[in-house]
Amino acid sequence: MYFRKKCKITFLCHGATIYSEEGRFSDLENYPPLSDLGVSETENLINLLKARAVKNDVIYSSPSVRTLQTAMMVAKAFKTEYKVVESLKTRACGTWNGQTLSQVLEKYPDGIALPMEKPDKTAMAGAESTGDFIARVSRTIEELVEENIGNRVIIVTHPDVIQAAICGALGIPASKLPNVYIRTGSATQISYFENWASLVYSDCVPMG
């Protein structure tokens, strides 16, 4: 039973937005939408999925407008529907929302170090701790895996959610989450087995 595969999940990171292009934190669901670059990234990502013959039985999406736009494009390309899963939303970033990394470092000199050194502590008021975030994503993925035994699943979500999914699947410590790099418009695939998971590929983007 150790090698019995439960399901395979291909995680798709939404296309770029003006916030991702500017390096801003955002946990808003209704803003920002995909930028022109984000639409182009998603179109290229769809071509990559087709070239790799990535099959799917079900598509899930985070509730944010940027992921919904990406999911709609993917679902249209595969002539299928998608389902929204609220708990696939990005990490709550509290008072960092809408700010760039340089602005956070200027206002909160210890704000970046704290979640890495103490992943079970919240970074700022209203923020989700790294440990809680990974646990939340891991629970969601576990539920979706159990609902889709034998299926091939596509999940459209955020860079940090995919980071958390990788950490949860491979047992990577919460403090190392920032070391897992995920770009917009990229694909990551994880196979889930009875008692373990295998990272097939990560942060895969179209060439050229």
C-alpha atoms as a PDB file:
ATOM      1  CA  MET A   1       0.000   0.000   0.000  1.00  0.00           C
ATOM      2  CA  TYR A   2       3.022   2.270   0.508  1.00  0.00           C
ATOM      3  CA  PHE A   3       3.360   2.833  -3.240  1.00  0.00           C
ATOM      4  CA  ARG A   4      -0.383   3.119  -3.998  1.00  0.00           C
ATOM      5  CA  LYS A   5      -0.882   6.443  -5.754  1.00  0.00           C
ATOM      6  CA  LYS A   6      -3.893   8.415  -4.570  1.00  0.00           C
ATOM      7  CA  CYS A   7      -3.881  11.215  -7.098  1.00  0.00           C
ATOM      8  CA  LYS A   8      -1.724  13.617  -9.073  1.00  0.00           C
ATOM      9  CA  ILE A   9      -2.083  17.385  -8.672  1.00  0.00           C
ATOM     10  CA  THR A  10      -0.766  19.980 -11.096  1.00  0.00           C
ATOM     11  CA  PHE A  11      -0.596  23.334  -9.322  1.00  0.00           C
ATOM     12  CA  LEU A  12      -0.838  26.362 -11.605  1.00  0.00           C
ATOM     13  CA  CYS A  13       0.292  29.747 -10.352  1.00  0.00           C
ATOM     14  CA  HIS A  14      -1.892  32.590 -11.575  1.00  0.00           C
ATOM     15  CA  GLY A  15      -0.541  35.010 -14.154  1.00  0.00           C
ATOM     16  CA  ALA A  16       1.198  38.271 -13.266  1.00  0.00           C
ATOM     17  CA  THR A  17      -0.608  41.319 -11.844  1.00  0.00           C
ATOM     18  CA  ILE A  18       0.546  44.892 -11.317  1.00  0.00           C
ATOM     19  CA  TYR A  19       1.226  43.929  -7.698  1.00  0.00           C
ATOM     20  CA  SER A  20       3.372  40.913  -8.537  1.00  0.00           C
ATOM     21  CA  GLU A  21       5.255  42.971 -11.121  1.00  0.00           C
ATOM     22  CA  GLU A  22       5.936  45.612  -8.431  1.00  0.00           C
ATOM     23  CA  GLY A  23       6.675  43.039  -5.728  1.00  0.00           C
ATOM     24  CA  ARG A  24       3.746  44.045  -3.513  1.00  0.00           C
ATOM     25  CA  PHE A  25       2.090  41.886  -0.860  1.00  0.00           C
ATOM     26  CA  SER A  26      -1.637  41.319  -1.373  1.00  0.00           C
ATOM     27  CA  ASP A  27      -4.272  39.130   0.221  1.00  0.00           C
ATOM     28  CA  LEU A  28      -7.219  40.935  -1.395  1.00  0.00           C
ATOM     29  CA  GLU A  29      -9.613  38.738  -3.352  1.00  0.00           C
ATOM     30  CA  ASN A  30     -11.067  41.411  -5.655  1.00  0.00           C
ATOM     31  CA  TYR A  31      -7.805  43.158  -6.611  1.00  0.00           C
ATOM     32  CA  PRO A  32      -5.570  43.199  -8.561  1.00  0.00           C
ATOM     33  CA  PRO A  33      -6.687  41.393 -11.733  1.00  0.00           C
ATOM     34  CA  LEU A  34      -4.307  39.872 -14.259  1.00  0.00           C
ATOM     35  CA  SER A  35      -2.136  42.360 -16.128  1.00  0.00           C
ATOM     36  CA  ASP A  36      -1.496  42.078 -19.871  1.00  0.00           C
ATOM     37  CA  LEU A  37       1.661  40.154 -18.941  1.00  0.00           C
ATOM     38  CA  GLY A  38      -0.431  37.868 -16.732  1.00  0.00           C
ATOM     39  CA  VAL A  39      -2.815  37.043 -19.563  1.00  0.00           C
ATOM     40  CA  SER A  40       0.150  36.302 -21.839  1.00  0.00           C
ATOM     41  CA  GLU A  41       1.774  34.117 -19.159  1.00  0.00           C
ATOM     42  CA  THR A  42      -1.448  32.142 -18.752  1.00  0.00           C
ATOM     43  CA  GLU A  43      -1.805  31.614 -22.499  1.00  0.00           C
ATOM     44  CA  ASN A  44       1.780  30.347 -22.646  1.00  0.00           C
ATOM     45  CA  LEU A  45       1.178  28.137 -19.615  1.00  0.00           C
ATOM     46  CA  ILE A  46      -1.868  26.572 -21.280  1.00  0.00           C
ATOM     47  CA  ASN A  47       0.261  25.800 -24.340  1.00  0.00           C
ATOM     48  CA  LEU A  48       2.827  24.176 -22.038  1.00  0.00           C
ATOM     49  CA  LEU A  49       0.148  22.000 -20.403  1.00  0.00           C
ATOM     50  CA  LYS A  50      -1.081  20.866 -23.797  1.00  0.00           C
ATOM     51  CA  ALA A  51       2.470  20.152 -24.983  1.00  0.00           C
ATOM     52  CA  ARG A  52       3.074  18.063 -21.853  1.00  0.00           C
ATOM     53  CA  ALA A  53      -0.307  16.356 -22.355  1.00  0.00           C
ATOM     54  CA  VAL A  54      -1.340  17.258 -18.805  1.00  0.00           C
ATOM     55  CA  LYS A  55      -4.734  15.603 -18.275  1.00  0.00           C
ATOM     56  CA  ASN A  56      -7.316  16.606 -15.695  1.00  0.00           C
ATOM     57  CA  ASP A  57     -10.503  15.249 -14.206  1.00  0.00           C
ATOM     58  CA  VAL A  58     -11.268  18.329 -12.122  1.00  0.00           C
ATOM     59  CA  ILE A  59     -10.036  21.927 -11.814  1.00  0.00           C
ATOM     60  CA  TYR A  60     -10.076  23.878  -8.548  1.00  0.00           C
ATOM     61  CA  SER A  61      -9.347  27.570  -8.004  1.00  0.00           C
ATOM     62  CA  SER A  62      -8.681  30.032  -5.229  1.00  0.00           C
ATOM     63  CA  PRO A  63     -11.467  32.656  -4.899  1.00  0.00           C
ATOM     64  CA  SER A  64      -9.239  35.634  -5.855  1.00  0.00           C
ATOM     65  CA  VAL A  65      -9.974  37.480  -9.086  1.00  0.00           C
ATOM     66  CA  ARG A  66      -6.457  36.819 -10.433  1.00  0.00           C
ATOM     67  CA  THR A  67      -6.788  33.071  -9.928  1.00  0.00           C
ATOM     68  CA  LEU A  68     -10.369  32.989 -11.208  1.00  0.00           C
ATOM     69  CA  GLN A  69      -9.307  34.737 -14.405  1.00  0.00           C
ATOM     70  CA  THR A  70      -6.499  32.204 -14.817  1.00  0.00           C
ATOM     71  CA  ALA A  71      -8.827  29.282 -14.019  1.00  0.00           C
ATOM     72  CA  MET A  72     -11.407  30.478 -16.544  1.00  0.00           C
ATOM     73  CA  MET A  73      -8.786  30.553 -19.285  1.00  0.00           C
ATOM     74  CA  VAL A  74      -7.515  27.075 -18.351  1.00  0.00           C
ATOM     75  CA  ALA A  75     -11.028  25.628 -18.063  1.00  0.00           C
ATOM     76  CA  LYS A  76     -11.998  27.075 -21.454  1.00  0.00           C
ATOM     77  CA  ALA A  77      -8.889  25.574 -23.056  1.00  0.00           C
ATOM     78  CA  PHE A  78      -9.732  22.132 -21.632  1.00  0.00           C
ATOM     79  CA  LYS A  79     -13.481  22.535 -22.301  1.00  0.00           C
ATOM     80  CA  THR A  80     -14.420  21.880 -18.693  1.00  0.00           C
ATOM     81  CA  GLU A  81     -15.631  23.658 -15.550  1.00  0.00           C
ATOM     82  CA  TYR A  82     -13.794  24.701 -12.397  1.00  0.00           C
ATOM     83  CA  LYS A  83     -14.740  24.748  -8.729  1.00  0.00           C
ATOM     84  CA  VAL A  84     -13.830  27.470  -6.212  1.00  0.00           C
ATOM     85  CA  VAL A  85     -12.226  26.377  -2.921  1.00  0.00           C
ATOM     86  CA  GLU A  86     -12.127  29.188  -0.352  1.00  0.00           C
ATOM     87  CA  SER A  87      -9.255  27.708   1.654  1.00  0.00           C
ATOM     88  CA  LEU A  88      -6.928  27.881  -1.375  1.00  0.00           C
ATOM     89  CA  LYS A  89      -6.691  31.646  -0.863  1.00  0.00           C
ATOM     90  CA  THR A  90      -3.337  33.330  -0.366  1.00  0.00           C
ATOM     91  CA  ARG A  91      -1.745  33.922   3.020  1.00  0.00           C
ATOM     92  CA  ALA A  92      -3.265  36.726   5.075  1.00  0.00           C
ATOM     93  CA  CYS A  93      -0.587  39.429   5.175  1.00  0.00           C
ATOM     94  CA  GLY A  94      -2.145  41.868   7.627  1.00  0.00           C
ATOM     95  CA  THR A  95      -0.586  45.325   7.685  1.00  0.00           C
ATOM     96  CA  TRP A  96       1.819  44.393   4.881  1.00  0.00           C
ATOM     97  CA  ASN A  97      -1.061  44.400   2.396  1.00  0.00           C
ATOM     98  CA  GLY A  98      -0.380  46.530  -0.676  1.00  0.00           C
ATOM     99  CA  GLN A  99       3.204  47.303   0.340  1.00  0.00           C
ATOM    100  CA  THR A 100       6.451  46.400  -1.383  1.00  0.00           C
ATOM    101  CA  LEU A 101       9.218  44.477   0.339  1.00  0.00           C
ATOM    102  CA  SER A 102      11.339  47.641   0.634  1.00  0.00           C
ATOM    103  CA  GLN A 103       8.433  49.473   2.292  1.00  0.00           C
ATOM    104  CA  VAL A 104       7.947  46.624   4.762  1.00  0.00           C
ATOM    105  CA  LEU A 105      11.652  46.601   5.595  1.00  0.00           C
ATOM    106  CA  GLU A 106      11.589  50.355   6.129  1.00  0.00           C
ATOM    107  CA  LYS A 107       8.507  50.347   8.373  1.00  0.00           C
ATOM    108  CA  TYR A 108       9.108  47.024  10.132  1.00  0.00           C
ATOM    109  CA  PRO A 109      12.854  46.271  10.237  1.00  0.00           C
ATOM    110  CA  ASP A 110      12.254  42.984  12.076  1.00  0.00           C
ATOM    111  CA  GLY A 111       9.122  42.098  10.149  1.00  0.00           C
ATOM    112  CA  ILE A 112      10.756  39.834   7.563  1.00  0.00           C
ATOM    113  CA  ALA A 113      13.077  38.040   9.973  1.00  0.00           C
ATOM    114  CA  LEU A 114      10.358  37.209  12.493  1.00  0.00           C
ATOM    115  CA  PRO A 115       8.263  34.784  10.397  1.00  0.00           C
ATOM    116  CA  MET A 116      11.420  32.917   9.331  1.00  0.00           C
ATOM    117  CA  GLU A 117      12.955  32.683  12.796  1.00  0.00           C
ATOM    118  CA  LYS A 118       9.637  32.031  14.541  1.00  0.00           C
ATOM    119  CA  PRO A 119       7.290  30.510  11.926  1.00  0.00           C
ATOM    120  CA  ASP A 120       4.569  29.836  14.478  1.00  0.00           C
ATOM    121  CA  LYS A 121       4.310  33.532  15.347  1.00  0.00           C
ATOM    122  CA  THR A 122       2.332  36.056  13.326  1.00  0.00           C
ATOM    123  CA  ALA A 123       4.497  38.544  11.461  1.00  0.00           C
ATOM    124  CA  MET A 124       2.212  41.521  12.053  1.00  0.00           C
ATOM    125  CA  ALA A 125      -1.286  42.178  13.361  1.00  0.00           C
ATOM    126  CA  GLY A 126      -3.739  40.254  11.247  1.00  0.00           C
ATOM    127  CA  ALA A 127      -1.093  38.214   9.451  1.00  0.00           C
ATOM    128  CA  GLU A 128      -1.191  34.426   9.226  1.00  0.00           C
ATOM    129  CA  SER A 129       1.798  32.666  10.764  1.00  0.00           C
ATOM    130  CA  THR A 130       3.896  30.519   8.437  1.00  0.00           C
ATOM    131  CA  GLY A 131       3.111  27.412  10.481  1.00  0.00           C
ATOM    132  CA  ASP A 132      -0.631  28.061  10.465  1.00  0.00           C
ATOM    133  CA  PHE A 133      -0.551  28.860   6.753  1.00  0.00           C
ATOM    134  CA  ILE A 134       1.207  25.605   5.816  1.00  0.00           C
ATOM    135  CA  ALA A 135      -1.147  23.647   8.080  1.00  0.00           C
ATOM    136  CA  ARG A 136      -4.194  25.259   6.467  1.00  0.00           C
ATOM    137  CA  VAL A 137      -2.970  24.538   2.944  1.00  0.00           C
ATOM    138  CA  SER A 138      -1.954  20.972   3.886  1.00  0.00           C
ATOM    139  CA  ARG A 139      -5.418  20.250   5.319  1.00  0.00           C
ATOM    140  CA  THR A 140      -7.052  21.580   2.173  1.00  0.00           C
ATOM    141  CA  ILE A 141      -4.827  19.522  -0.117  1.00  0.00           C
ATOM    142  CA  GLU A 142      -5.376  16.400   1.986  1.00  0.00           C
ATOM    143  CA  GLU A 143      -9.155  16.852   1.701  1.00  0.00           C
ATOM    144  CA  LEU A 144      -8.957  17.351  -2.066  1.00  0.00           C
ATOM    145  CA  VAL A 145      -6.719  14.291  -2.448  1.00  0.00           C
ATOM    146  CA  GLU A 146      -9.191  12.134  -0.523  1.00  0.00           C
ATOM    147  CA  GLU A 147     -12.045  13.444  -2.694  1.00  0.00           C
ATOM    148  CA  ASN A 148     -10.145  12.622  -5.876  1.00  0.00           C
ATOM    149  CA  ILE A 149      -8.639   9.169  -5.436  1.00  0.00           C
ATOM    150  CA  GLY A 150      -7.430   8.056  -8.852  1.00  0.00           C
ATOM    151  CA  ASN A 151      -8.045  11.458 -10.418  1.00  0.00           C
ATOM    152  CA  ARG A 152      -5.771  13.970 -12.126  1.00  0.00           C
ATOM    153  CA  VAL A 153      -6.325  17.374 -10.555  1.00  0.00           C
ATOM    154  CA  ILE A 154      -5.445  20.932 -11.537  1.00  0.00           C
ATOM    155  CA  ILE A 155      -5.336  23.577  -8.800  1.00  0.00           C
ATOM    156  CA  VAL A 156      -5.069  27.242  -9.795  1.00  0.00           C
ATOM    157  CA  THR A 157      -3.763  29.269  -6.893  1.00  0.00           C
ATOM    158  CA  HIS A 158      -1.066  31.640  -5.575  1.00  0.00           C
ATOM    159  CA  PRO A 159       2.754  31.392  -5.357  1.00  0.00           C
ATOM    160  CA  ASP A 160       2.744  31.136  -1.563  1.00  0.00           C
ATOM    161  CA  VAL A 161       0.019  28.452  -1.541  1.00  0.00           C
ATOM    162  CA  ILE A 162       2.144  26.341  -3.884  1.00  0.00           C
ATOM    163  CA  GLN A 163       5.163  26.975  -1.650  1.00  0.00           C
ATOM    164  CA  ALA A 164       3.127  25.773   1.328  1.00  0.00           C
ATOM    165  CA  ALA A 165       1.868  22.710  -0.588  1.00  0.00           C
ATOM    166  CA  ILE A 166       5.461  21.720  -1.388  1.00  0.00           C
ATOM    167  CA  CYS A 167       6.553  22.228   2.221  1.00  0.00           C
ATOM    168  CA  GLY A 168       3.629  20.150   3.475  1.00  0.00           C
ATOM    169  CA  ALA A 169       4.133  17.351   0.945  1.00  0.00           C
ATOM    170  CA  LEU A 170       7.890  17.022   1.467  1.00  0.00           C
ATOM    171  CA  GLY A 171       8.041  17.814   5.178  1.00  0.00           C
ATOM    172  CA  ILE A 172      10.103  20.969   4.635  1.00  0.00           C
ATOM    173  CA  PRO A 173      10.310  23.090   7.828  1.00  0.00           C
ATOM    174  CA  ALA A 174       8.075  26.160   7.908  1.00  0.00           C
ATOM    175  CA  SER A 175      11.121  28.404   8.309  1.00  0.00           C
ATOM    176  CA  LYS A 176      12.322  27.306   4.860  1.00  0.00           C
ATOM    177  CA  LEU A 177       9.150  28.267   2.971  1.00  0.00           C
ATOM    178  CA  PRO A 178      10.741  31.442   1.490  1.00  0.00           C
ATOM    179  CA  ASN A 179      13.466  29.226  -0.043  1.00  0.00           C
ATOM    180  CA  VAL A 180      10.878  27.564  -2.302  1.00  0.00           C
ATOM    181  CA  TYR A 181      10.656  29.806  -5.367  1.00  0.00           C
ATOM    182  CA  ILE A 182       7.458  29.914  -7.450  1.00  0.00           C
ATOM    183  CA  ARG A 183       6.900  32.325 -10.339  1.00  0.00           C
ATOM    184  CA  THR A 184       3.628  33.597 -11.769  1.00  0.00           C
ATOM    185  CA  GLY A 185       2.470  31.611 -14.792  1.00  0.00           C
ATOM    186  CA  SER A 186       4.280  28.454 -13.672  1.00  0.00           C
ATOM    187  CA  ALA A 187       3.310  24.804 -13.147  1.00  0.00           C
ATOM    188  CA  THR A 188       4.234  22.481 -10.281  1.00  0.00           C
ATOM    189  CA  GLN A 189       3.237  18.826 -10.086  1.00  0.00           C
ATOM    190  CA  ILE A 190       3.036  16.584  -7.013  1.00  0.00           C
ATOM    191  CA  SER A 191       2.015  12.916  -6.924  1.00  0.00           C
ATOM    192  CA  TYR A 192       0.339  11.855  -3.669  1.00  0.00           C
ATOM    193  CA  PHE A 193       0.719   8.273  -2.445  1.00  0.00           C
ATOM    194  CA  GLU A 194      -0.653   6.369   0.532  1.00  0.00           C
ATOM    195  CA  ASN A 195       1.962   7.569   3.026  1.00  0.00           C
ATOM    196  CA  TRP A 196       4.127  10.008   1.127  1.00  0.00           C
ATOM    197  CA  ALA A 197       4.308  12.447  -1.793  1.00  0.00           C
ATOM    198  CA  SER A 198       6.703  13.002  -4.672  1.00  0.00           C
ATOM    199  CA  LEU A 199       7.527  16.371  -6.245  1.00  0.00           C
ATOM    200  CA  VAL A 200       7.542  15.631  -9.990  1.00  0.00           C
ATOM    201  CA  TYR A 201       8.532  19.132 -11.092  1.00  0.00           C
ATOM    202  CA  SER A 202       8.362  22.661  -9.691  1.00  0.00           C
ATOM    203  CA  ASP A 203       8.134  26.237 -11.045  1.00  0.00           C
ATOM    204  CA  CYS A 204       8.027  25.021 -14.653  1.00  0.00           C
ATOM    205  CA  VAL A 205       7.491  27.840 -17.156  1.00  0.00           C
ATOM    206  CA  PRO A 206       7.325  27.866 -20.962  1.00  0.00           C
ATOM    207  CA  MET A 207      10.655  28.363 -22.724  1.00  0.00           C
ATOM    208  CA  GLY A 208      11.193  31.309 -25.031  1.00  0.00           C
END
